[in-house]
Protein backbone atom coordinates (compact mmCIF):
# COMPACT_ATOMS: atom_id res chain seq x y z
CA UNK A 1 -9.06 -14.72 17.45
CA UNK A 2 -9.38 -12.71 14.26
CA UNK A 3 -7.02 -13.58 11.40
CA UNK A 4 -8.58 -11.47 8.67
CA UNK A 5 -10.23 -14.38 6.88
CA UNK A 6 -13.53 -14.04 5.09
CA UNK A 7 -16.54 -15.78 6.57
CA UNK A 8 -19.39 -14.94 4.18
CA UNK A 9 -20.04 -13.62 0.70
CA UNK A 10 -23.21 -12.55 -1.04
CA UNK A 11 -23.64 -10.94 -4.43
CA UNK A 12 -25.64 -7.78 -3.76
CA UNK A 13 -25.61 -6.08 -7.15
CA UNK A 14 -24.42 -6.42 -10.72
CA UNK A 15 -20.94 -5.42 -9.50
CA UNK A 16 -21.23 -5.48 -5.73
CA UNK A 17 -20.48 -7.99 -3.00
CA UNK A 18 -21.27 -7.97 0.68
CA UNK A 19 -18.48 -9.65 2.59
CA UNK A 20 -17.95 -10.58 6.22
CA UNK A 21 -14.64 -11.12 8.00
CA UNK A 22 -13.80 -13.22 11.03
CA UNK A 23 -13.67 -10.13 13.27
CA UNK A 24 -17.40 -9.55 12.70
CA UNK A 25 -16.92 -6.71 10.19
CA UNK A 26 -19.33 -6.75 7.24
CA UNK A 27 -19.23 -4.39 4.28
CA UNK A 28 -20.62 -3.96 0.81
CA UNK A 29 -17.94 -3.36 -1.82
CA UNK A 30 -18.84 -1.78 -5.14
CA UNK A 31 -16.52 -3.18 -7.81
CA UNK A 32 -17.73 -0.95 -10.65
CA UNK A 33 -14.78 1.47 -10.52
CA UNK A 34 -12.31 -1.31 -9.72
CA UNK A 35 -13.40 -3.34 -12.74
CA UNK A 36 -13.56 -0.31 -15.04
CA UNK A 37 -10.01 0.78 -14.15
CA UNK A 38 -8.33 -2.54 -14.97
CA UNK A 39 -8.37 -4.14 -18.42
CA UNK A 40 -7.59 -7.54 -16.91
CA UNK A 41 -10.96 -7.48 -15.12
CA UNK A 42 -13.17 -6.88 -18.16
CA UNK A 43 -14.80 -10.31 -17.69
CA UNK A 44 -16.28 -9.12 -14.40
CA UNK A 45 -18.17 -6.30 -16.14
CA UNK A 46 -20.69 -8.93 -17.23
CA UNK A 47 -23.22 -9.32 -14.37
CA UNK A 48 -23.56 -13.07 -14.95
CA UNK A 49 -19.79 -13.52 -14.74
CA UNK A 50 -19.53 -11.28 -11.69
CA UNK A 51 -22.28 -13.19 -9.87
CA UNK A 52 -20.16 -16.37 -10.01
CA UNK A 53 -18.00 -15.03 -7.15
CA UNK A 54 -17.21 -17.56 -4.44
CA UNK A 55 -15.07 -17.70 -1.33
CA UNK A 56 -11.86 -19.65 -1.84
CA UNK A 57 -11.59 -22.98 -0.09
CA UNK A 58 -9.33 -21.50 2.60
CA UNK A 59 -11.48 -18.31 2.89
CA UNK A 60 -8.51 -16.02 2.24
CA UNK A 61 -9.89 -14.69 -1.04
CA UNK A 62 -12.84 -14.24 -3.39
CA UNK A 63 -12.49 -16.12 -6.67
CA UNK A 64 -14.19 -16.16 -10.04
CA UNK A 65 -14.12 -19.02 -12.57
CA UNK A 66 -12.25 -16.78 -15.05
CA UNK A 67 -9.13 -17.07 -12.86
CA UNK A 68 -9.62 -13.70 -11.16
CA UNK A 69 -9.25 -13.44 -7.39
CA UNK A 70 -8.78 -10.83 -4.68
CA UNK A 71 -7.28 -11.50 -1.27
CA UNK A 72 -9.05 -10.71 1.98
CA UNK A 73 -6.64 -7.86 2.93
CA UNK A 74 -7.18 -6.05 -0.40
CA UNK A 75 -10.93 -6.51 -0.13
CA UNK A 76 -10.85 -5.07 3.39
CA UNK A 77 -8.83 -2.10 2.12
CA UNK A 78 -11.42 -1.39 -0.58
CA UNK A 79 -14.24 -1.72 1.95
CA UNK A 80 -12.50 0.76 4.27
CA UNK A 81 -11.81 3.19 1.41
CA UNK A 82 -15.41 3.06 0.20
CA UNK A 83 -16.63 3.67 3.76
CA UNK A 84 -14.28 6.68 4.06
CA UNK A 85 -12.34 4.96 6.83
CA UNK A 86 -9.09 5.18 4.86
CA UNK A 87 -7.77 7.14 1.88
CA UNK A 88 -6.84 5.55 -1.43
CA UNK A 89 -3.33 6.00 -2.82
CA UNK A 90 -4.90 7.61 -5.90
CA UNK A 91 -6.67 10.26 -3.78
CA UNK A 92 -3.54 10.82 -1.72
CA UNK A 93 -1.54 11.36 -4.92
CA UNK A 94 -4.20 13.83 -6.12
CA UNK A 95 -3.92 15.74 -2.83
CA UNK A 96 -0.13 15.95 -3.11
CA UNK A 97 -0.28 16.96 -6.77
CA UNK A 98 -3.02 19.50 -6.05
CA UNK A 99 -0.63 21.32 -3.73
CA UNK A 100 2.41 20.82 -5.99
CA UNK A 101 4.15 19.14 -3.06
CA UNK A 102 7.32 17.13 -3.22
CA UNK A 103 7.44 14.09 -0.95
CA UNK A 104 9.40 16.16 1.57
CA UNK A 105 6.85 19.00 1.48
CA UNK A 106 3.92 16.59 1.91
CA UNK A 107 5.73 14.94 4.82
CA UNK A 108 6.33 18.32 6.49
CA UNK A 109 2.73 19.43 5.96
CA UNK A 110 1.37 16.25 7.58
CA UNK A 111 4.06 15.72 10.23
CA UNK A 112 5.11 12.40 8.71
CA UNK A 113 8.35 11.01 7.37
CA UNK A 114 9.19 11.09 3.68
CA UNK A 115 9.37 7.28 3.76
CA UNK A 116 5.83 7.04 5.12
CA UNK A 117 4.57 9.30 2.33
CA UNK A 118 6.30 7.04 -0.22
CA UNK A 119 4.74 3.92 1.35
CA UNK A 120 1.29 5.49 1.12
CA UNK A 121 1.76 6.54 -2.50
CA UNK A 122 2.96 3.09 -3.54
CA UNK A 123 -0.01 1.41 -1.86
CA UNK A 124 2.38 -0.63 0.27
CA UNK A 125 0.80 0.78 3.44
CA UNK A 126 -2.84 1.60 4.05
CA UNK A 127 -3.43 5.32 4.47
CA UNK A 128 -5.21 5.58 7.82
CA UNK A 129 -8.22 7.71 8.55
CA UNK A 130 -6.07 10.07 10.63
CA UNK A 131 -3.98 10.96 7.58
CA UNK A 132 -7.09 11.35 5.44
CA UNK A 133 -8.50 13.75 8.05
CA UNK A 134 -5.15 15.57 8.26
CA UNK A 135 -5.26 16.25 4.51
CA UNK A 136 -8.78 17.61 4.88
CA UNK A 137 -7.71 19.72 7.86
CA UNK A 138 -4.73 21.06 5.95
CA UNK A 139 -7.01 22.06 3.09
CA UNK A 140 -9.40 23.74 5.54
CA UNK A 141 -6.59 25.77 7.07
CA UNK A 142 -5.33 26.81 3.66
CA UNK A 143 -8.81 27.96 2.62
CA UNK A 144 -9.32 29.99 5.80
């Protein structure tokens, strides 16, 4: 039974990890943009510091000696976003802003509820691939 725990970690670049989960999924995550966008992660910009990454004792997170850690669900989200399996909240916001949509207008354009749009924008819910593809399809229809 898969719980979402991590099963393996290897440092595969100056700011990249390859992680495996208990469902058999393995992905390389590039942390360069993640580290660059957060002042609290500046310590991880040093390759020696970054390479000290280890799985937590309970395998629910990746930890660094500097007191930085990321949970397995967030790591999976980043892996899915980087593999274009899901859409980031930042890219979703850019799509909405690019069309000058209100939450209600974005909901109507995508056939979703206003609440769902708000959940996606807040990062509370993962934006699934179907919604990512719907935004691309909407843009394609508008360009035609």
